Amino acid sequence: MSYEYLRLYTNAFAFQAAISQALHSKPKGNAHTQKEHVRAAFSDTASMPDARFIYDSMDAAKSYLTILNNFVDPEKHLRYMPLRYYL
């Protein structure tokens, strides 16, 4: 679980950077046009320079949720985990 959390944490920075780059590459407008611009920027994620990290962060998130759903008993284990695992 710690491994998947660390994978998600480190690779999520690339995803955040890609979103920030997409938001700052276009002049400010209303929320609808920014949303459409970000949607268009992520329409072909595989062509982005950080695609590998974005896909790794999505894979880590899926693995992490799978572990939480399949192997962690909420009554026995979840209350003893550090707060960062909940976030």
PDB file of N, CA and C in Angstrom:
ATOM      1  N   MET A   1       0.815  -1.176   0.000  1.00  0.00           N
ATOM      2  CA  MET A   1       0.000   0.000   0.000  1.00  0.00           C
ATOM      3  C   MET A   1       0.865   1.248   0.000  1.00  0.00           C
ATOM      4  N   SER A   2       1.927   1.219   0.762  1.00  0.00           N
ATOM      5  CA  SER A   2       2.833   2.365   0.789  1.00  0.00           C
ATOM      6  C   SER A   2       3.495   2.582  -0.569  1.00  0.00           C
ATOM      7  N   TYR A   3       3.823   1.489  -1.243  1.00  0.00           N
ATOM      8  CA  TYR A   3       4.431   1.599  -2.571  1.00  0.00           C
ATOM      9  C   TYR A   3       3.481   2.278  -3.548  1.00  0.00           C
ATOM     10  N   GLU A   4       2.225   1.858  -3.577  1.00  0.00           N
ATOM     11  CA  GLU A   4       1.248   2.459  -4.494  1.00  0.00           C
ATOM     12  C   GLU A   4       0.985   3.919  -4.131  1.00  0.00           C
ATOM     13  N   TYR A   5       0.956   4.218  -2.847  1.00  0.00           N
ATOM     14  CA  TYR A   5       0.766   5.599  -2.420  1.00  0.00           C
ATOM     15  C   TYR A   5       1.934   6.465  -2.894  1.00  0.00           C
ATOM     16  N   LEU A   6       3.150   5.957  -2.738  1.00  0.00           N
ATOM     17  CA  LEU A   6       4.328   6.705  -3.171  1.00  0.00           C
ATOM     18  C   LEU A   6       4.341   6.883  -4.684  1.00  0.00           C
ATOM     19  N   ARG A   7       3.968   5.841  -5.414  1.00  0.00           N
ATOM     20  CA  ARG A   7       3.867   5.955  -6.880  1.00  0.00           C
ATOM     21  C   ARG A   7       2.860   7.022  -7.281  1.00  0.00           C
ATOM     22  N   LEU A   8       1.718   7.020  -6.637  1.00  0.00           N
ATOM     23  CA  LEU A   8       0.691   8.007  -6.933  1.00  0.00           C
ATOM     24  C   LEU A   8       1.173   9.403  -6.589  1.00  0.00           C
ATOM     25  N   TYR A   9       1.800   9.559  -5.455  1.00  0.00           N
ATOM     26  CA  TYR A   9       2.262  10.867  -4.991  1.00  0.00           C
ATOM     27  C   TYR A   9       3.311  11.448  -5.941  1.00  0.00           C
ATOM     28  N   THR A  10       4.284  10.644  -6.337  1.00  0.00           N
ATOM     29  CA  THR A  10       5.360  11.165  -7.183  1.00  0.00           C
ATOM     30  C   THR A  10       4.903  11.427  -8.611  1.00  0.00           C
ATOM     31  N   ASN A  11       4.073  10.572  -9.151  1.00  0.00           N
ATOM     32  CA  ASN A  11       3.637  10.753 -10.535  1.00  0.00           C
ATOM     33  C   ASN A  11       2.535  11.789 -10.678  1.00  0.00           C
ATOM     34  N   ALA A  12       1.847  12.093  -9.613  1.00  0.00           N
ATOM     35  CA  ALA A  12       0.778  13.080  -9.690  1.00  0.00           C
ATOM     36  C   ALA A  12       1.314  14.480  -9.959  1.00  0.00           C
ATOM     37  N   PHE A  13       2.581  14.724  -9.641  1.00  0.00           N
ATOM     38  CA  PHE A  13       3.160  16.031  -9.928  1.00  0.00           C
ATOM     39  C   PHE A  13       3.184  16.302 -11.437  1.00  0.00           C
ATOM     40  N   ALA A  14       3.439  15.279 -12.234  1.00  0.00           N
ATOM     41  CA  ALA A  14       3.438  15.460 -13.685  1.00  0.00           C
ATOM     42  C   ALA A  14       2.035  15.769 -14.173  1.00  0.00           C
ATOM     43  N   PHE A  15       1.049  15.122 -13.610  1.00  0.00           N
ATOM     44  CA  PHE A  15      -0.342  15.388 -13.987  1.00  0.00           C
ATOM     45  C   PHE A  15      -0.738  16.814 -13.616  1.00  0.00           C
ATOM     46  N   GLN A  16      -0.356  17.247 -12.419  1.00  0.00           N
ATOM     47  CA  GLN A  16      -0.641  18.603 -11.983  1.00  0.00           C
ATOM     48  C   GLN A  16       0.077  19.616 -12.868  1.00  0.00           C
ATOM     49  N   ALA A  17       1.311  19.340 -13.247  1.00  0.00           N
ATOM     50  CA  ALA A  17       2.060  20.245 -14.118  1.00  0.00           C
ATOM     51  C   ALA A  17       1.411  20.341 -15.496  1.00  0.00           C
ATOM     52  N   ALA A  18       0.907  19.223 -15.999  1.00  0.00           N
ATOM     53  CA  ALA A  18       0.243  19.246 -17.305  1.00  0.00           C
ATOM     54  C   ALA A  18      -1.036  20.072 -17.266  1.00  0.00           C
ATOM     55  N   ILE A  19      -1.783  19.967 -16.186  1.00  0.00           N
ATOM     56  CA  ILE A  19      -3.000  20.767 -16.040  1.00  0.00           C
ATOM     57  C   ILE A  19      -2.649  22.244 -15.923  1.00  0.00           C
ATOM     58  N   SER A  20      -1.650  22.562 -15.117  1.00  0.00           N
ATOM     59  CA  SER A  20      -1.236  23.960 -14.966  1.00  0.00           C
ATOM     60  C   SER A  20      -0.759  24.531 -16.289  1.00  0.00           C
ATOM     61  N   GLN A  21      -0.009  23.747 -17.027  1.00  0.00           N
ATOM     62  CA  GLN A  21       0.482  24.190 -18.324  1.00  0.00           C
ATOM     63  C   GLN A  21      -0.674  24.439 -19.285  1.00  0.00           C
ATOM     64  N   ALA A  22      -1.667  23.582 -19.267  1.00  0.00           N
ATOM     65  CA  ALA A  22      -2.824  23.759 -20.152  1.00  0.00           C
ATOM     66  C   ALA A  22      -3.625  24.992 -19.759  1.00  0.00           C
ATOM     67  N   LEU A  23      -3.726  25.259 -18.471  1.00  0.00           N
ATOM     68  CA  LEU A  23      -4.476  26.435 -18.024  1.00  0.00           C
ATOM     69  C   LEU A  23      -3.752  27.744 -18.322  1.00  0.00           C
ATOM     70  N   HIS A  24      -2.432  27.725 -18.222  1.00  0.00           N
ATOM     71  CA  HIS A  24      -1.670  28.955 -18.394  1.00  0.00           C
ATOM     72  C   HIS A  24      -1.274  29.217 -19.840  1.00  0.00           C
ATOM     73  N   SER A  25      -1.497  28.263 -20.727  1.00  0.00           N
ATOM     74  CA  SER A  25      -1.119  28.461 -22.118  1.00  0.00           C
ATOM     75  C   SER A  25      -2.150  29.273 -22.886  1.00  0.00           C
ATOM     76  N   LYS A  26      -3.301  29.486 -22.311  1.00  0.00           N
ATOM     77  CA  LYS A  26      -4.358  30.246 -22.968  1.00  0.00           C
ATOM     78  C   LYS A  26      -4.684  31.466 -22.114  1.00  0.00           C
ATOM     79  N   PRO A  27      -4.959  32.599 -22.762  1.00  0.00           N
ATOM     80  CA  PRO A  27      -5.339  33.778 -21.978  1.00  0.00           C
ATOM     81  C   PRO A  27      -6.590  33.517 -21.144  1.00  0.00           C
ATOM     82  N   LYS A  28      -6.669  34.243 -20.051  1.00  0.00           N
ATOM     83  CA  LYS A  28      -7.803  34.076 -19.133  1.00  0.00           C
ATOM     84  C   LYS A  28      -9.112  34.421 -19.832  1.00  0.00           C
ATOM     85  N   GLY A  29     -10.103  33.609 -19.566  1.00  0.00           N
ATOM     86  CA  GLY A  29     -11.440  33.845 -20.087  1.00  0.00           C
ATOM     87  C   GLY A  29     -12.439  33.363 -19.068  1.00  0.00           C
ATOM     88  N   ASN A  30     -13.628  33.118 -19.519  1.00  0.00           N
ATOM     89  CA  ASN A  30     -14.604  32.598 -18.565  1.00  0.00           C
ATOM     90  C   ASN A  30     -14.319  31.116 -18.305  1.00  0.00           C
ATOM     91  N   ALA A  31     -14.973  30.579 -17.318  1.00  0.00           N
ATOM     92  CA  ALA A  31     -14.703  29.198 -16.876  1.00  0.00           C
ATOM     93  C   ALA A  31     -15.029  28.189 -17.968  1.00  0.00           C
ATOM     94  N   HIS A  32     -16.031  28.475 -18.768  1.00  0.00           N
ATOM     95  CA  HIS A  32     -16.437  27.530 -19.814  1.00  0.00           C
ATOM     96  C   HIS A  32     -15.349  27.401 -20.878  1.00  0.00           C
ATOM     97  N   THR A  33     -14.762  28.516 -21.315  1.00  0.00           N
ATOM     98  CA  THR A  33     -13.730  28.433 -22.345  1.00  0.00           C
ATOM     99  C   THR A  33     -12.460  27.780 -21.803  1.00  0.00           C
ATOM    100  N   GLN A  34     -12.122  28.018 -20.533  1.00  0.00           N
ATOM    101  CA  GLN A  34     -10.967  27.351 -19.947  1.00  0.00           C
ATOM    102  C   GLN A  34     -11.200  25.851 -19.849  1.00  0.00           C
ATOM    103  N   LYS A  35     -12.412  25.470 -19.498  1.00  0.00           N
ATOM    104  CA  LYS A  35     -12.743  24.046 -19.394  1.00  0.00           C
ATOM    105  C   LYS A  35     -12.615  23.374 -20.760  1.00  0.00           C
ATOM    106  N   GLU A  36     -13.090  24.044 -21.799  1.00  0.00           N
ATOM    107  CA  GLU A  36     -12.986  23.489 -23.148  1.00  0.00           C
ATOM    108  C   GLU A  36     -11.531  23.418 -23.601  1.00  0.00           C
ATOM    109  N   HIS A  37     -10.734  24.401 -23.227  1.00  0.00           N
ATOM    110  CA  HIS A  37      -9.316  24.398 -23.597  1.00  0.00           C
ATOM    111  C   HIS A  37      -8.579  23.239 -22.919  1.00  0.00           C
ATOM    112  N   VAL A  38      -8.841  23.016 -21.644  1.00  0.00           N
ATOM    113  CA  VAL A  38      -8.206  21.899 -20.933  1.00  0.00           C
ATOM    114  C   VAL A  38      -8.686  20.574 -21.515  1.00  0.00           C
ATOM    115  N   ARG A  39      -9.948  20.480 -21.832  1.00  0.00           N
ATOM    116  CA  ARG A  39     -10.476  19.249 -22.440  1.00  0.00           C
ATOM    117  C   ARG A  39      -9.787  18.983 -23.776  1.00  0.00           C
ATOM    118  N   ALA A  40      -9.592  20.017 -24.570  1.00  0.00           N
ATOM    119  CA  ALA A  40      -8.919  19.846 -25.864  1.00  0.00           C
ATOM    120  C   ALA A  40      -7.451  19.486 -25.670  1.00  0.00           C
ATOM    121  N   ALA A  41      -6.808  20.075 -24.658  1.00  0.00           N
ATOM    122  CA  ALA A  41      -5.398  19.779 -24.399  1.00  0.00           C
ATOM    123  C   ALA A  41      -5.199  18.328 -23.987  1.00  0.00           C
ATOM    124  N   PHE A  42      -6.163  17.751 -23.286  1.00  0.00           N
ATOM    125  CA  PHE A  42      -6.056  16.371 -22.818  1.00  0.00           C
ATOM    126  C   PHE A  42      -6.780  15.379 -23.724  1.00  0.00           C
ATOM    127  N   SER A  43      -7.200  15.815 -24.897  1.00  0.00           N
ATOM    128  CA  SER A  43      -7.896  14.895 -25.801  1.00  0.00           C
ATOM    129  C   SER A  43      -6.950  13.830 -26.353  1.00  0.00           C
ATOM    130  N   ASP A  44      -5.676  14.158 -26.459  1.00  0.00           N
ATOM    131  CA  ASP A  44      -4.683  13.191 -26.926  1.00  0.00           C
ATOM    132  C   ASP A  44      -3.545  13.128 -25.909  1.00  0.00           C
ATOM    133  N   THR A  45      -3.818  12.482 -24.804  1.00  0.00           N
ATOM    134  CA  THR A  45      -2.859  12.435 -23.695  1.00  0.00           C
ATOM    135  C   THR A  45      -1.574  11.718 -24.085  1.00  0.00           C
ATOM    136  N   ALA A  46      -1.676  10.745 -24.956  1.00  0.00           N
ATOM    137  CA  ALA A  46      -0.495   9.966 -25.325  1.00  0.00           C
ATOM    138  C   ALA A  46       0.561  10.811 -26.026  1.00  0.00           C
ATOM    139  N   SER A  47       0.178  11.907 -26.637  1.00  0.00           N
ATOM    140  CA  SER A  47       1.142  12.749 -27.344  1.00  0.00           C
ATOM    141  C   SER A  47       1.805  13.785 -26.435  1.00  0.00           C
ATOM    142  N   MET A  48       1.381  13.856 -25.190  1.00  0.00           N
ATOM    143  CA  MET A  48       1.960  14.825 -24.262  1.00  0.00           C
ATOM    144  C   MET A  48       3.336  14.356 -23.801  1.00  0.00           C
ATOM    145  N   PRO A  49       4.237  15.301 -23.485  1.00  0.00           N
ATOM    146  CA  PRO A  49       5.572  14.900 -23.018  1.00  0.00           C
ATOM    147  C   PRO A  49       5.544  14.122 -21.694  1.00  0.00           C
ATOM    148  N   ASP A  50       4.588  14.401 -20.842  1.00  0.00           N
ATOM    149  CA  ASP A  50       4.496  13.731 -19.535  1.00  0.00           C
ATOM    150  C   ASP A  50       3.505  12.581 -19.530  1.00  0.00           C
ATOM    151  N   ALA A  51       3.210  12.033 -20.681  1.00  0.00           N
ATOM    152  CA  ALA A  51       2.179  10.990 -20.785  1.00  0.00           C
ATOM    153  C   ALA A  51       2.507   9.779 -19.923  1.00  0.00           C
ATOM    154  N   ARG A  52       3.767   9.382 -19.906  1.00  0.00           N
ATOM    155  CA  ARG A  52       4.154   8.197 -19.130  1.00  0.00           C
ATOM    156  C   ARG A  52       3.830   8.384 -17.653  1.00  0.00           C
ATOM    157  N   PHE A  53       4.116   9.570 -17.131  1.00  0.00           N
ATOM    158  CA  PHE A  53       3.866   9.836 -15.723  1.00  0.00           C
ATOM    159  C   PHE A  53       2.375   9.954 -15.422  1.00  0.00           C
ATOM    160  N   ILE A  54       1.635  10.501 -16.369  1.00  0.00           N
ATOM    161  CA  ILE A  54       0.187  10.620 -16.185  1.00  0.00           C
ATOM    162  C   ILE A  54      -0.449   9.235 -16.137  1.00  0.00           C
ATOM    163  N   TYR A  55      -0.048   8.368 -17.069  1.00  0.00           N
ATOM    164  CA  TYR A  55      -0.594   7.010 -17.078  1.00  0.00           C
ATOM    165  C   TYR A  55      -0.154   6.224 -15.842  1.00  0.00           C
ATOM    166  N   ASP A  56       1.079   6.443 -15.398  1.00  0.00           N
ATOM    167  CA  ASP A  56       1.547   5.772 -14.171  1.00  0.00           C
ATOM    168  C   ASP A  56       0.760   6.229 -12.956  1.00  0.00           C
ATOM    169  N   SER A  57       0.423   7.516 -12.886  1.00  0.00           N
ATOM    170  CA  SER A  57      -0.358   8.004 -11.741  1.00  0.00           C
ATOM    171  C   SER A  57      -1.769   7.430 -11.763  1.00  0.00           C
ATOM    172  N   MET A  58      -2.352   7.291 -12.942  1.00  0.00           N
ATOM    173  CA  MET A  58      -3.684   6.678 -13.019  1.00  0.00           C
ATOM    174  C   MET A  58      -3.630   5.206 -12.639  1.00  0.00           C
ATOM    175  N   ASP A  59      -2.578   4.514 -13.072  1.00  0.00           N
ATOM    176  CA  ASP A  59      -2.428   3.104 -12.714  1.00  0.00           C
ATOM    177  C   ASP A  59      -2.213   2.937 -11.211  1.00  0.00           C
ATOM    178  N   ALA A  60      -1.417   3.820 -10.621  1.00  0.00           N
ATOM    179  CA  ALA A  60      -1.183   3.755  -9.181  1.00  0.00           C
ATOM    180  C   ALA A  60      -2.468   4.026  -8.404  1.00  0.00           C
ATOM    181  N   ALA A  61      -3.267   4.979  -8.872  1.00  0.00           N
ATOM    182  CA  ALA A  61      -4.538   5.277  -8.199  1.00  0.00           C
ATOM    183  C   ALA A  61      -5.479   4.080  -8.266  1.00  0.00           C
ATOM    184  N   LYS A  62      -5.536   3.441  -9.422  1.00  0.00           N
ATOM    185  CA  LYS A  62      -6.386   2.251  -9.553  1.00  0.00           C
ATOM    186  C   LYS A  62      -5.909   1.122  -8.630  1.00  0.00           C
ATOM    187  N   SER A  63      -4.608   0.893  -8.602  1.00  0.00           N
ATOM    188  CA  SER A  63      -4.055  -0.167  -7.747  1.00  0.00           C
ATOM    189  C   SER A  63      -4.302   0.133  -6.274  1.00  0.00           C
ATOM    190  N   TYR A  64      -4.118   1.382  -5.905  1.00  0.00           N
ATOM    191  CA  TYR A  64      -4.319   1.803  -4.517  1.00  0.00           C
ATOM    192  C   TYR A  64      -5.768   1.600  -4.088  1.00  0.00           C
ATOM    193  N   LEU A  65      -6.703   1.998  -4.933  1.00  0.00           N
ATOM    194  CA  LEU A  65      -8.126   1.803  -4.616  1.00  0.00           C
ATOM    195  C   LEU A  65      -8.494   0.325  -4.581  1.00  0.00           C
ATOM    196  N   THR A  66      -7.884  -0.464  -5.449  1.00  0.00           N
ATOM    197  CA  THR A  66      -8.138  -1.908  -5.445  1.00  0.00           C
ATOM    198  C   THR A  66      -7.666  -2.527  -4.135  1.00  0.00           C
ATOM    199  N   ILE A  67      -6.491  -2.136  -3.685  1.00  0.00           N
ATOM    200  CA  ILE A  67      -5.979  -2.653  -2.407  1.00  0.00           C
ATOM    201  C   ILE A  67      -6.902  -2.241  -1.263  1.00  0.00           C
ATOM    202  N   LEU A  68      -7.302  -0.978  -1.244  1.00  0.00           N
ATOM    203  CA  LEU A  68      -8.196  -0.518  -0.180  1.00  0.00           C
ATOM    204  C   LEU A  68      -9.527  -1.259  -0.183  1.00  0.00           C
ATOM    205  N   ASN A  69     -10.074  -1.491  -1.347  1.00  0.00           N
ATOM    206  CA  ASN A  69     -11.381  -2.148  -1.434  1.00  0.00           C
ATOM    207  C   ASN A  69     -11.324  -3.644  -1.167  1.00  0.00           C
ATOM    208  N   ASN A  70     -10.255  -4.300  -1.568  1.00  0.00           N
ATOM    209  CA  ASN A  70     -10.208  -5.753  -1.482  1.00  0.00           C
ATOM    210  C   ASN A  70      -9.523  -6.300  -0.231  1.00  0.00           C
ATOM    211  N   PHE A  71      -8.545  -5.569   0.304  1.00  0.00           N
ATOM    212  CA  PHE A  71      -7.723  -6.159   1.358  1.00  0.00           C
ATOM    213  C   PHE A  71      -7.763  -5.435   2.696  1.00  0.00           C
ATOM    214  N   VAL A  72      -8.275  -4.244   2.753  1.00  0.00           N
ATOM    215  CA  VAL A  72      -8.258  -3.474   3.994  1.00  0.00           C
ATOM    216  C   VAL A  72      -9.640  -3.512   4.633  1.00  0.00           C
ATOM    217  N   ASP A  73      -9.686  -4.023   5.834  1.00  0.00           N
ATOM    218  CA  ASP A  73     -10.932  -4.054   6.577  1.00  0.00           C
ATOM    219  C   ASP A  73     -11.089  -2.715   7.307  1.00  0.00           C
ATOM    220  N   PRO A  74     -12.147  -1.956   7.026  1.00  0.00           N
ATOM    221  CA  PRO A  74     -12.295  -0.630   7.631  1.00  0.00           C
ATOM    222  C   PRO A  74     -12.333  -0.648   9.153  1.00  0.00           C
ATOM    223  N   GLU A  75     -12.967  -1.640   9.732  1.00  0.00           N
ATOM    224  CA  GLU A  75     -13.085  -1.670  11.193  1.00  0.00           C
ATOM    225  C   GLU A  75     -11.778  -2.051  11.883  1.00  0.00           C
ATOM    226  N   LYS A  76     -11.001  -2.920  11.256  1.00  0.00           N
ATOM    227  CA  LYS A  76      -9.786  -3.398  11.900  1.00  0.00           C
ATOM    228  C   LYS A  76      -8.557  -2.553  11.576  1.00  0.00           C
ATOM    229  N   HIS A  77      -8.427  -2.106  10.340  1.00  0.00           N
ATOM    230  CA  HIS A  77      -7.165  -1.510   9.909  1.00  0.00           C
ATOM    231  C   HIS A  77      -7.224  -0.018   9.592  1.00  0.00           C
ATOM    232  N   LEU A  78      -8.322   0.451   9.058  1.00  0.00           N
ATOM    233  CA  LEU A  78      -8.368   1.804   8.517  1.00  0.00           C
ATOM    234  C   LEU A  78      -8.155   2.880   9.569  1.00  0.00           C
ATOM    235  N   ARG A  79      -8.632   2.667  10.763  1.00  0.00           N
ATOM    236  CA  ARG A  79      -8.499   3.706  11.791  1.00  0.00           C
ATOM    237  C   ARG A  79      -7.073   3.860  12.298  1.00  0.00           C
ATOM    238  N   TYR A  80      -6.196   2.889  12.043  1.00  0.00           N
ATOM    239  CA  TYR A  80      -4.814   2.980  12.497  1.00  0.00           C
ATOM    240  C   TYR A  80      -3.867   3.520  11.435  1.00  0.00           C
ATOM    241  N   MET A  81      -4.380   3.792  10.254  1.00  0.00           N
ATOM    242  CA  MET A  81      -3.539   4.294   9.176  1.00  0.00           C
ATOM    243  C   MET A  81      -3.300   5.791   9.319  1.00  0.00           C
ATOM    244  N   PRO A  82      -2.161   6.263   8.812  1.00  0.00           N
ATOM    245  CA  PRO A  82      -1.894   7.714   8.865  1.00  0.00           C
ATOM    246  C   PRO A  82      -2.921   8.494   8.049  1.00  0.00           C
ATOM    247  N   LEU A  83      -3.099   9.730   8.392  1.00  0.00           N
ATOM    248  CA  LEU A  83      -4.092  10.573   7.730  1.00  0.00           C
ATOM    249  C   LEU A  83      -3.842  10.711   6.235  1.00  0.00           C
ATOM    250  N   ARG A  84      -2.592  10.709   5.793  1.00  0.00           N
ATOM    251  CA  ARG A  84      -2.300  10.931   4.377  1.00  0.00           C
ATOM    252  C   ARG A  84      -2.891   9.838   3.489  1.00  0.00           C
ATOM    253  N   TYR A  85      -3.100   8.636   4.028  1.00  0.00           N
ATOM    254  CA  TYR A  85      -3.693   7.577   3.223  1.00  0.00           C
ATOM    255  C   TYR A  85      -5.174   7.859   2.911  1.00  0.00           C
ATOM    256  N   TYR A  86      -5.834   8.582   3.764  1.00  0.00           N
ATOM    257  CA  TYR A  86      -7.234   8.910   3.522  1.00  0.00           C
ATOM    258  C   TYR A  86      -7.364   9.940   2.419  1.00  0.00           C
ATOM    259  N   LEU A  87      -6.441  10.865   2.354  1.00  0.00           N
ATOM    260  CA  LEU A  87      -6.515  11.950   1.390  1.00  0.00           C
ATOM    261  C   LEU A  87      -6.167  11.475   0.007  1.00  0.00           C
TER     262      LEU A  87
END
